[in-house]
Amino acid sequence: MKLFQILLAVLTLTVVLGLPGLAAACPSCADAPAAGGDDDENVMGNRLAYNRSIYVMVGVPYLTLAIAGFLIYRGVKQNEAFRRARELAQDPGLAAATPQAS
């Protein structure tokens, strides 16, 4: 029984350590260097292009969220200023009671 456990542990360790080498890249990334030719410059160009495209795919949602947040913030501030100006126009007595900003 002890031999079986040791053999099972060695087999499991071999499989676990051997699997990451099989899944090193996605299919597009794995095929691109082979289809690109044998020159190292083209292969490096493909790798850099894939790397940059991943950065773009990760960064664009954050950039979109930041732009939307900024537009919402600016809209709220403009709406607040517009509403305050309208209140002052309707009731001129508020202007005297409101402290002036310098």
PDB file of N, CA and C in Angstrom:
ATOM      1  N   MET A   1       0.820  -1.192   0.000  1.00  0.00           N
ATOM      2  CA  MET A   1       0.000   0.000   0.000  1.00  0.00           C
ATOM      3  C   MET A   1       0.866   1.260   0.000  1.00  0.00           C
ATOM      4  N   LYS A   2       1.949   1.229   0.739  1.00  0.00           N
ATOM      5  CA  LYS A   2       2.832   2.376   0.794  1.00  0.00           C
ATOM      6  C   LYS A   2       3.491   2.616  -0.565  1.00  0.00           C
ATOM      7  N   LEU A   3       3.842   1.551  -1.258  1.00  0.00           N
ATOM      8  CA  LEU A   3       4.436   1.684  -2.585  1.00  0.00           C
ATOM      9  C   LEU A   3       3.441   2.308  -3.560  1.00  0.00           C
ATOM     10  N   PHE A   4       2.177   1.925  -3.426  1.00  0.00           N
ATOM     11  CA  PHE A   4       1.138   2.492  -4.288  1.00  0.00           C
ATOM     12  C   PHE A   4       0.988   3.996  -4.053  1.00  0.00           C
ATOM     13  N   GLN A   5       1.028   4.442  -2.808  1.00  0.00           N
ATOM     14  CA  GLN A   5       0.911   5.861  -2.491  1.00  0.00           C
ATOM     15  C   GLN A   5       2.098   6.647  -3.034  1.00  0.00           C
ATOM     16  N   ILE A   6       3.285   6.106  -2.916  1.00  0.00           N
ATOM     17  CA  ILE A   6       4.477   6.782  -3.433  1.00  0.00           C
ATOM     18  C   ILE A   6       4.411   6.863  -4.949  1.00  0.00           C
ATOM     19  N   LEU A   7       4.027   5.772  -5.586  1.00  0.00           N
ATOM     20  CA  LEU A   7       3.910   5.750  -7.043  1.00  0.00           C
ATOM     21  C   LEU A   7       2.840   6.735  -7.518  1.00  0.00           C
ATOM     22  N   LEU A   8       1.729   6.805  -6.810  1.00  0.00           N
ATOM     23  CA  LEU A   8       0.665   7.757  -7.154  1.00  0.00           C
ATOM     24  C   LEU A   8       1.139   9.195  -6.959  1.00  0.00           C
ATOM     25  N   ALA A   9       1.885   9.476  -5.918  1.00  0.00           N
ATOM     26  CA  ALA A   9       2.398  10.824  -5.678  1.00  0.00           C
ATOM     27  C   ALA A   9       3.400  11.224  -6.762  1.00  0.00           C
ATOM     28  N   VAL A  10       4.272  10.319  -7.155  1.00  0.00           N
ATOM     29  CA  VAL A  10       5.245  10.612  -8.211  1.00  0.00           C
ATOM     30  C   VAL A  10       4.525  10.833  -9.539  1.00  0.00           C
ATOM     31  N   LEU A  11       3.556  10.023  -9.850  1.00  0.00           N
ATOM     32  CA  LEU A  11       2.792  10.169 -11.086  1.00  0.00           C
ATOM     33  C   LEU A  11       2.029  11.500 -11.095  1.00  0.00           C
ATOM     34  N   THR A  12       1.406  11.845  -9.981  1.00  0.00           N
ATOM     35  CA  THR A  12       0.674  13.110  -9.887  1.00  0.00           C
ATOM     36  C   THR A  12       1.623  14.288 -10.045  1.00  0.00           C
ATOM     37  N   LEU A  13       2.756  14.243  -9.399  1.00  0.00           N
ATOM     38  CA  LEU A  13       3.745  15.314  -9.507  1.00  0.00           C
ATOM     39  C   LEU A  13       4.248  15.452 -10.937  1.00  0.00           C
ATOM     40  N   THR A  14       4.483  14.355 -11.606  1.00  0.00           N
ATOM     41  CA  THR A  14       4.943  14.387 -12.991  1.00  0.00           C
ATOM     42  C   THR A  14       3.885  15.005 -13.900  1.00  0.00           C
ATOM     43  N   VAL A  15       2.653  14.640 -13.726  1.00  0.00           N
ATOM     44  CA  VAL A  15       1.578  15.190 -14.552  1.00  0.00           C
ATOM     45  C   VAL A  15       1.401  16.675 -14.285  1.00  0.00           C
ATOM     46  N   VAL A  16       1.410  17.075 -13.019  1.00  0.00           N
ATOM     47  CA  VAL A  16       1.200  18.486 -12.677  1.00  0.00           C
ATOM     48  C   VAL A  16       2.339  19.343 -13.208  1.00  0.00           C
ATOM     49  N   LEU A  17       3.562  18.885 -13.100  1.00  0.00           N
ATOM     50  CA  LEU A  17       4.693  19.656 -13.597  1.00  0.00           C
ATOM     51  C   LEU A  17       4.819  19.602 -15.115  1.00  0.00           C
ATOM     52  N   GLY A  18       4.270  18.589 -15.738  1.00  0.00           N
ATOM     53  CA  GLY A  18       4.359  18.455 -17.186  1.00  0.00           C
ATOM     54  C   GLY A  18       3.286  19.200 -17.942  1.00  0.00           C
ATOM     55  N   LEU A  19       2.154  19.474 -17.332  1.00  0.00           N
ATOM     56  CA  LEU A  19       1.039  20.132 -18.024  1.00  0.00           C
ATOM     57  C   LEU A  19       1.306  21.579 -18.419  1.00  0.00           C
ATOM     58  N   PRO A  20       1.922  22.409 -17.595  1.00  0.00           N
ATOM     59  CA  PRO A  20       2.092  23.807 -18.014  1.00  0.00           C
ATOM     60  C   PRO A  20       2.868  23.979 -19.316  1.00  0.00           C
ATOM     61  N   GLY A  21       3.738  23.073 -19.645  1.00  0.00           N
ATOM     62  CA  GLY A  21       4.470  23.161 -20.903  1.00  0.00           C
ATOM     63  C   GLY A  21       3.569  22.939 -22.110  1.00  0.00           C
ATOM     64  N   LEU A  22       2.482  22.228 -21.941  1.00  0.00           N
ATOM     65  CA  LEU A  22       1.578  21.960 -23.049  1.00  0.00           C
ATOM     66  C   LEU A  22       0.701  23.164 -23.396  1.00  0.00           C
ATOM     67  N   ALA A  23       0.360  23.972 -22.417  1.00  0.00           N
ATOM     68  CA  ALA A  23      -0.538  25.104 -22.635  1.00  0.00           C
ATOM     69  C   ALA A  23       0.225  26.416 -22.487  1.00  0.00           C
ATOM     70  N   ALA A  24       1.280  26.604 -23.265  1.00  0.00           N
ATOM     71  CA  ALA A  24       2.134  27.781 -23.123  1.00  0.00           C
ATOM     72  C   ALA A  24       1.532  29.021 -23.769  1.00  0.00           C
ATOM     73  N   ALA A  25       0.679  28.872 -24.763  1.00  0.00           N
ATOM     74  CA  ALA A  25       0.134  30.036 -25.456  1.00  0.00           C
ATOM     75  C   ALA A  25      -1.248  29.703 -26.006  1.00  0.00           C
ATOM     76  N   CYS A  26      -1.996  30.764 -26.301  1.00  0.00           N
ATOM     77  CA  CYS A  26      -3.284  30.561 -26.951  1.00  0.00           C
ATOM     78  C   CYS A  26      -3.033  30.106 -28.388  1.00  0.00           C
ATOM     79  N   PRO A  27      -4.022  29.567 -29.083  1.00  0.00           N
ATOM     80  CA  PRO A  27      -3.789  29.076 -30.439  1.00  0.00           C
ATOM     81  C   PRO A  27      -3.270  30.138 -31.405  1.00  0.00           C
ATOM     82  N   SER A  28      -3.764  31.355 -31.306  1.00  0.00           N
ATOM     83  CA  SER A  28      -3.285  32.411 -32.206  1.00  0.00           C
ATOM     84  C   SER A  28      -1.834  32.748 -31.943  1.00  0.00           C
ATOM     85  N   CYS A  29      -1.471  32.824 -30.676  1.00  0.00           N
ATOM     86  CA  CYS A  29      -0.090  33.158 -30.323  1.00  0.00           C
ATOM     87  C   CYS A  29       0.863  32.022 -30.695  1.00  0.00           C
ATOM     88  N   ALA A  30       0.414  30.783 -30.558  1.00  0.00           N
ATOM     89  CA  ALA A  30       1.267  29.645 -30.865  1.00  0.00           C
ATOM     90  C   ALA A  30       1.497  29.500 -32.370  1.00  0.00           C
ATOM     91  N   ASP A  31       0.490  29.834 -33.182  1.00  0.00           N
ATOM     92  CA  ASP A  31       0.616  29.676 -34.633  1.00  0.00           C
ATOM     93  C   ASP A  31       1.326  30.841 -35.301  1.00  0.00           C
ATOM     94  N   ALA A  32       1.310  32.005 -34.702  1.00  0.00           N
ATOM     95  CA  ALA A  32       1.865  33.191 -35.344  1.00  0.00           C
ATOM     96  C   ALA A  32       3.361  33.088 -35.632  1.00  0.00           C
ATOM     97  N   PRO A  33       4.218  32.678 -34.695  1.00  0.00           N
ATOM     98  CA  PRO A  33       5.640  32.576 -35.026  1.00  0.00           C
ATOM     99  C   PRO A  33       5.914  31.531 -36.097  1.00  0.00           C
ATOM    100  N   ALA A  34       5.168  30.436 -36.112  1.00  0.00           N
ATOM    101  CA  ALA A  34       5.380  29.409 -37.116  1.00  0.00           C
ATOM    102  C   ALA A  34       4.969  29.903 -38.502  1.00  0.00           C
ATOM    103  N   ALA A  35       3.913  30.677 -38.580  1.00  0.00           N
ATOM    104  CA  ALA A  35       3.439  31.184 -39.863  1.00  0.00           C
ATOM    105  C   ALA A  35       4.244  32.393 -40.326  1.00  0.00           C
ATOM    106  N   GLY A  36       4.908  33.073 -39.404  1.00  0.00           N
ATOM    107  CA  GLY A  36       5.623  34.295 -39.732  1.00  0.00           C
ATOM    108  C   GLY A  36       6.932  34.067 -40.462  1.00  0.00           C
ATOM    109  N   GLY A  37       7.506  32.910 -40.380  1.00  0.00           N
ATOM    110  CA  GLY A  37       8.786  32.648 -41.019  1.00  0.00           C
ATOM    111  C   GLY A  37       9.849  32.327 -39.997  1.00  0.00           C
ATOM    112  N   ASP A  38      11.088  32.224 -40.480  1.00  0.00           N
ATOM    113  CA  ASP A  38      12.173  31.810 -39.601  1.00  0.00           C
ATOM    114  C   ASP A  38      12.998  32.962 -39.054  1.00  0.00           C
ATOM    115  N   ASP A  39      12.838  34.157 -39.606  1.00  0.00           N
ATOM    116  CA  ASP A  39      13.677  35.255 -39.135  1.00  0.00           C
ATOM    117  C   ASP A  39      13.240  35.709 -37.739  1.00  0.00           C
ATOM    118  N   ASP A  40      14.222  35.918 -36.871  1.00  0.00           N
ATOM    119  CA  ASP A  40      13.946  36.263 -35.480  1.00  0.00           C
ATOM    120  C   ASP A  40      13.296  37.628 -35.342  1.00  0.00           C
ATOM    121  N   GLU A  41      13.596  38.538 -36.257  1.00  0.00           N
ATOM    122  CA  GLU A  41      13.044  39.883 -36.167  1.00  0.00           C
ATOM    123  C   GLU A  41      11.531  39.856 -36.332  1.00  0.00           C
ATOM    124  N   ASN A  42      11.024  39.063 -37.248  1.00  0.00           N
ATOM    125  CA  ASN A  42       9.588  38.958 -37.471  1.00  0.00           C
ATOM    126  C   ASN A  42       8.905  38.299 -36.281  1.00  0.00           C
ATOM    127  N   VAL A  43       9.530  37.298 -35.696  1.00  0.00           N
ATOM    128  CA  VAL A  43       8.953  36.608 -34.544  1.00  0.00           C
ATOM    129  C   VAL A  43       8.869  37.565 -33.360  1.00  0.00           C
ATOM    130  N   MET A  44       9.922  38.346 -33.135  1.00  0.00           N
ATOM    131  CA  MET A  44       9.901  39.317 -32.041  1.00  0.00           C
ATOM    132  C   MET A  44       8.841  40.393 -32.288  1.00  0.00           C
ATOM    133  N   GLY A  45       8.677  40.800 -33.549  1.00  0.00           N
ATOM    134  CA  GLY A  45       7.648  41.780 -33.879  1.00  0.00           C
ATOM    135  C   GLY A  45       6.259  41.256 -33.569  1.00  0.00           C
ATOM    136  N   ASN A  46       6.024  39.980 -33.873  1.00  0.00           N
ATOM    137  CA  ASN A  46       4.728  39.377 -33.575  1.00  0.00           C
ATOM    138  C   ASN A  46       4.490  39.310 -32.074  1.00  0.00           C
ATOM    139  N   ARG A  47       5.524  38.946 -31.331  1.00  0.00           N
ATOM    140  CA  ARG A  47       5.373  38.844 -29.881  1.00  0.00           C
ATOM    141  C   ARG A  47       5.087  40.213 -29.273  1.00  0.00           C
ATOM    142  N   LEU A  48       5.782  41.228 -29.756  1.00  0.00           N
ATOM    143  CA  LEU A  48       5.529  42.582 -29.246  1.00  0.00           C
ATOM    144  C   LEU A  48       4.126  43.055 -29.616  1.00  0.00           C
ATOM    145  N   ALA A  49       3.683  42.717 -30.820  1.00  0.00           N
ATOM    146  CA  ALA A  49       2.345  43.122 -31.250  1.00  0.00           C
ATOM    147  C   ALA A  49       1.269  42.454 -30.391  1.00  0.00           C
ATOM    148  N   TYR A  50       1.436  41.169 -30.098  1.00  0.00           N
ATOM    149  CA  TYR A  50       0.478  40.480 -29.237  1.00  0.00           C
ATOM    150  C   TYR A  50       0.502  41.069 -27.829  1.00  0.00           C
ATOM    151  N   ASN A  51       1.687  41.368 -27.335  1.00  0.00           N
ATOM    152  CA  ASN A  51       1.811  41.951 -26.009  1.00  0.00           C
ATOM    153  C   ASN A  51       1.111  43.304 -25.941  1.00  0.00           C
ATOM    154  N   ARG A  52       1.324  44.136 -26.931  1.00  0.00           N
ATOM    155  CA  ARG A  52       0.687  45.456 -26.944  1.00  0.00           C
ATOM    156  C   ARG A  52      -0.826  45.348 -27.101  1.00  0.00           C
ATOM    157  N   SER A  53      -1.275  44.388 -27.890  1.00  0.00           N
ATOM    158  CA  SER A  53      -2.722  44.241 -28.061  1.00  0.00           C
ATOM    159  C   SER A  53      -3.380  43.807 -26.754  1.00  0.00           C
ATOM    160  N   ILE A  54      -2.687  43.020 -25.954  1.00  0.00           N
ATOM    161  CA  ILE A  54      -3.225  42.629 -24.657  1.00  0.00           C
ATOM    162  C   ILE A  54      -3.325  43.844 -23.749  1.00  0.00           C
ATOM    163  N   TYR A  55      -2.305  44.705 -23.767  1.00  0.00           N
ATOM    164  CA  TYR A  55      -2.364  45.927 -22.964  1.00  0.00           C
ATOM    165  C   TYR A  55      -3.539  46.805 -23.394  1.00  0.00           C
ATOM    166  N   VAL A  56      -3.786  46.887 -24.679  1.00  0.00           N
ATOM    167  CA  VAL A  56      -4.902  47.701 -25.175  1.00  0.00           C
ATOM    168  C   VAL A  56      -6.227  47.096 -24.716  1.00  0.00           C
ATOM    169  N   MET A  57      -6.368  45.778 -24.827  1.00  0.00           N
ATOM    170  CA  MET A  57      -7.616  45.131 -24.425  1.00  0.00           C
ATOM    171  C   MET A  57      -7.868  45.286 -22.929  1.00  0.00           C
ATOM    172  N   VAL A  58      -6.810  45.334 -22.136  1.00  0.00           N
ATOM    173  CA  VAL A  58      -6.977  45.518 -20.696  1.00  0.00           C
ATOM    174  C   VAL A  58      -7.228  46.987 -20.368  1.00  0.00           C
ATOM    175  N   GLY A  59      -6.583  47.903 -21.075  1.00  0.00           N
ATOM    176  CA  GLY A  59      -6.651  49.315 -20.734  1.00  0.00           C
ATOM    177  C   GLY A  59      -7.887  50.045 -21.219  1.00  0.00           C
ATOM    178  N   VAL A  60      -8.452  49.644 -22.331  1.00  0.00           N
ATOM    179  CA  VAL A  60      -9.587  50.364 -22.914  1.00  0.00           C
ATOM    180  C   VAL A  60     -10.806  50.394 -21.985  1.00  0.00           C
ATOM    181  N   PRO A  61     -11.181  49.318 -21.317  1.00  0.00           N
ATOM    182  CA  PRO A  61     -12.324  49.429 -20.396  1.00  0.00           C
ATOM    183  C   PRO A  61     -12.089  50.427 -19.267  1.00  0.00           C
ATOM    184  N   TYR A  62     -10.867  50.460 -18.726  1.00  0.00           N
ATOM    185  CA  TYR A  62     -10.566  51.417 -17.664  1.00  0.00           C
ATOM    186  C   TYR A  62     -10.612  52.847 -18.194  1.00  0.00           C
ATOM    187  N   LEU A  63     -10.079  53.057 -19.379  1.00  0.00           N
ATOM    188  CA  LEU A  63     -10.107  54.384 -19.975  1.00  0.00           C
ATOM    189  C   LEU A  63     -11.549  54.827 -20.245  1.00  0.00           C
ATOM    190  N   THR A  64     -12.370  53.933 -20.744  1.00  0.00           N
ATOM    191  CA  THR A  64     -13.779  54.236 -20.999  1.00  0.00           C
ATOM    192  C   THR A  64     -14.507  54.578 -19.704  1.00  0.00           C
ATOM    193  N   LEU A  65     -14.245  53.811 -18.659  1.00  0.00           N
ATOM    194  CA  LEU A  65     -14.861  54.074 -17.365  1.00  0.00           C
ATOM    195  C   LEU A  65     -14.410  55.419 -16.806  1.00  0.00           C
ATOM    196  N   ALA A  66     -13.127  55.743 -16.964  1.00  0.00           N
ATOM    197  CA  ALA A  66     -12.611  57.029 -16.476  1.00  0.00           C
ATOM    198  C   ALA A  66     -13.248  58.195 -17.230  1.00  0.00           C
ATOM    199  N   ILE A  67     -13.386  58.076 -18.533  1.00  0.00           N
ATOM    200  CA  ILE A  67     -14.003  59.147 -19.326  1.00  0.00           C
ATOM    201  C   ILE A  67     -15.474  59.309 -18.944  1.00  0.00           C
ATOM    202  N   ALA A  68     -16.191  58.214 -18.785  1.00  0.00           N
ATOM    203  CA  ALA A  68     -17.599  58.288 -18.394  1.00  0.00           C
ATOM    204  C   ALA A  68     -17.732  58.910 -17.008  1.00  0.00           C
ATOM    205  N   GLY A  69     -16.874  58.528 -16.080  1.00  0.00           N
ATOM    206  CA  GLY A  69     -16.912  59.112 -14.739  1.00  0.00           C
ATOM    207  C   GLY A  69     -16.633  60.598 -14.758  1.00  0.00           C
ATOM    208  N   PHE A  70     -15.648  61.021 -15.561  1.00  0.00           N
ATOM    209  CA  PHE A  70     -15.341  62.441 -15.664  1.00  0.00           C
ATOM    210  C   PHE A  70     -16.512  63.221 -16.248  1.00  0.00           C
ATOM    211  N   LEU A  71     -17.135  62.677 -17.288  1.00  0.00           N
ATOM    212  CA  LEU A  71     -18.278  63.372 -17.898  1.00  0.00           C
ATOM    213  C   LEU A  71     -19.453  63.473 -16.933  1.00  0.00           C
ATOM    214  N   ILE A  72     -19.687  62.428 -16.154  1.00  0.00           N
ATOM    215  CA  ILE A  72     -20.761  62.476 -15.163  1.00  0.00           C
ATOM    216  C   ILE A  72     -20.430  63.504 -14.087  1.00  0.00           C
ATOM    217  N   TYR A  73     -19.191  63.509 -13.611  1.00  0.00           N
ATOM    218  CA  TYR A  73     -18.772  64.482 -12.594  1.00  0.00           C
ATOM    219  C   TYR A  73     -18.932  65.913 -13.109  1.00  0.00           C
ATOM    220  N   ARG A  74     -18.474  66.158 -14.339  1.00  0.00           N
ATOM    221  CA  ARG A  74     -18.582  67.497 -14.917  1.00  0.00           C
ATOM    222  C   ARG A  74     -20.048  67.893 -15.101  1.00  0.00           C
ATOM    223  N   GLY A  75     -20.879  66.942 -15.522  1.00  0.00           N
ATOM    224  CA  GLY A  75     -22.300  67.230 -15.703  1.00  0.00           C
ATOM    225  C   GLY A  75     -22.987  67.573 -14.392  1.00  0.00           C
ATOM    226  N   VAL A  76     -22.623  66.858 -13.324  1.00  0.00           N
ATOM    227  CA  VAL A  76     -23.218  67.144 -12.020  1.00  0.00           C
ATOM    228  C   VAL A  76     -22.807  68.533 -11.544  1.00  0.00           C
ATOM    229  N   LYS A  77     -21.529  68.877 -11.716  1.00  0.00           N
ATOM    230  CA  LYS A  77     -21.057  70.195 -11.296  1.00  0.00           C
ATOM    231  C   LYS A  77     -21.723  71.315 -12.102  1.00  0.00           C
ATOM    232  N   GLN A  78     -21.858  71.114 -13.407  1.00  0.00           N
ATOM    233  CA  GLN A  78     -22.508  72.129 -14.241  1.00  0.00           C
ATOM    234  C   GLN A  78     -23.984  72.254 -13.890  1.00  0.00           C
ATOM    235  N   ASN A  79     -24.627  71.136 -13.611  1.00  0.00           N
ATOM    236  CA  ASN A  79     -26.037  71.160 -13.239  1.00  0.00           C
ATOM    237  C   ASN A  79     -26.219  71.891 -11.908  1.00  0.00           C
ATOM    238  N   GLU A  80     -25.290  71.646 -10.978  1.00  0.00           N
ATOM    239  CA  GLU A  80     -25.359  72.322  -9.687  1.00  0.00           C
ATOM    240  C   GLU A  80     -25.177  73.834  -9.849  1.00  0.00           C
ATOM    241  N   ALA A  81     -24.226  74.261 -10.681  1.00  0.00           N
ATOM    242  CA  ALA A  81     -24.000  75.685 -10.916  1.00  0.00           C
ATOM    243  C   ALA A  81     -25.203  76.306 -11.625  1.00  0.00           C
ATOM    244  N   PHE A  82     -25.771  75.588 -12.584  1.00  0.00           N
ATOM    245  CA  PHE A  82     -26.946  76.098 -13.301  1.00  0.00           C
ATOM    246  C   PHE A  82     -28.132  76.261 -12.347  1.00  0.00           C
ATOM    247  N   ARG A  83     -28.342  75.251 -11.495  1.00  0.00           N
ATOM    248  CA  ARG A  83     -29.454  75.304 -10.554  1.00  0.00           C
ATOM    249  C   ARG A  83     -29.269  76.450  -9.558  1.00  0.00           C
ATOM    250  N   ARG A  84     -28.042  76.654  -9.098  1.00  0.00           N
ATOM    251  CA  ARG A  84     -27.759  77.745  -8.153  1.00  0.00           C
ATOM    252  C   ARG A  84     -27.994  79.111  -8.814  1.00  0.00           C
ATOM    253  N   ALA A  85     -27.549  79.249 -10.060  1.00  0.00           N
ATOM    254  CA  ALA A  85     -27.761  80.511 -10.779  1.00  0.00           C
ATOM    255  C   ALA A  85     -29.242  80.764 -11.001  1.00  0.00           C
ATOM    256  N   ARG A  86     -30.014  79.738 -11.277  1.00  0.00           N
ATOM    257  CA  ARG A  86     -31.457  79.895 -11.482  1.00  0.00           C
ATOM    258  C   ARG A  86     -32.150  80.298 -10.178  1.00  0.00           C
ATOM    259  N   GLU A  87     -31.709  79.710  -9.053  1.00  0.00           N
ATOM    260  CA  GLU A  87     -32.283  80.081  -7.762  1.00  0.00           C
ATOM    261  C   GLU A  87     -31.988  81.543  -7.438  1.00  0.00           C
ATOM    262  N   LEU A  88     -30.756  81.986  -7.731  1.00  0.00           N
ATOM    263  CA  LEU A  88     -30.391  83.372  -7.482  1.00  0.00           C
ATOM    264  C   LEU A  88     -31.171  84.329  -8.375  1.00  0.00           C
ATOM    265  N   ALA A  89     -31.457  83.910  -9.588  1.00  0.00           N
ATOM    266  CA  ALA A  89     -32.210  84.757 -10.513  1.00  0.00           C
ATOM    267  C   ALA A  89     -33.666  84.871 -10.077  1.00  0.00           C
ATOM    268  N   GLN A  90     -34.220  83.804  -9.501  1.00  0.00           N
ATOM    269  CA  GLN A  90     -35.614  83.835  -9.077  1.00  0.00           C
ATOM    270  C   GLN A  90     -35.798  84.600  -7.770  1.00  0.00           C
ATOM    271  N   ASP A  91     -34.809  84.520  -6.878  1.00  0.00           N
ATOM    272  CA  ASP A  91     -34.919  85.188  -5.579  1.00  0.00           C
ATOM    273  C   ASP A  91     -33.645  86.003  -5.343  1.00  0.00           C
ATOM    274  N   PRO A  92     -33.648  87.293  -5.708  1.00  0.00           N
ATOM    275  CA  PRO A  92     -32.450  88.115  -5.543  1.00  0.00           C
ATOM    276  C   PRO A  92     -32.020  88.263  -4.104  1.00  0.00           C
ATOM    277  N   GLY A  93     -32.878  88.051  -3.132  1.00  0.00           N
ATOM    278  CA  GLY A  93     -32.512  88.149  -1.721  1.00  0.00           C
ATOM    279  C   GLY A  93     -31.512  87.070  -1.312  1.00  0.00           C
ATOM    280  N   LEU A  94     -31.445  85.956  -2.039  1.00  0.00           N
ATOM    281  CA  LEU A  94     -30.488  84.900  -1.739  1.00  0.00           C
ATOM    282  C   LEU A  94     -29.054  85.344  -2.005  1.00  0.00           C
ATOM    283  N   ALA A  95     -28.878  86.230  -2.970  1.00  0.00           N
ATOM    284  CA  ALA A  95     -27.526  86.679  -3.319  1.00  0.00           C
ATOM    285  C   ALA A  95     -26.907  87.454  -2.166  1.00  0.00           C
ATOM    286  N   ALA A  96     -27.699  88.214  -1.436  1.00  0.00           N
ATOM    287  CA  ALA A  96     -27.160  88.980  -0.318  1.00  0.00           C
ATOM    288  C   ALA A  96     -26.855  88.079   0.858  1.00  0.00           C
ATOM    289  N   ALA A  97     -27.632  87.012   1.043  1.00  0.00           N
ATOM    290  CA  ALA A  97     -27.436  86.112   2.168  1.00  0.00           C
ATOM    291  C   ALA A  97     -26.321  85.096   1.914  1.00  0.00           C
ATOM    292  N   THR A  98     -25.958  84.899   0.666  1.00  0.00           N
ATOM    293  CA  THR A  98     -24.945  83.910   0.315  1.00  0.00           C
ATOM    294  C   THR A  98     -23.559  84.545   0.394  1.00  0.00           C
ATOM    295  N   PRO A  99     -22.624  83.920   1.083  1.00  0.00           N
ATOM    296  CA  PRO A  99     -21.258  84.477   1.118  1.00  0.00           C
ATOM    297  C   PRO A  99     -20.621  84.407  -0.258  1.00  0.00           C
ATOM    298  N   GLN A 100     -19.876  85.441  -0.604  1.00  0.00           N
ATOM    299  CA  GLN A 100     -19.225  85.511  -1.923  1.00  0.00           C
ATOM    300  C   GLN A 100     -17.921  84.724  -1.890  1.00  0.00           C
ATOM    301  N   ALA A 101     -17.681  83.979  -2.934  1.00  0.00           N
ATOM    302  CA  ALA A 101     -16.419  83.248  -3.061  1.00  0.00           C
ATOM    303  C   ALA A 101     -15.398  84.159  -3.711  1.00  0.00           C
ATOM    304  N   SER A 102     -14.181  84.110  -3.208  1.00  0.00           N
ATOM    305  CA  SER A 102     -13.154  84.987  -3.791  1.00  0.00           C
ATOM    306  C   SER A 102     -12.356  84.302  -4.840  1.00  0.00           C
TER     307      SER A 102
END
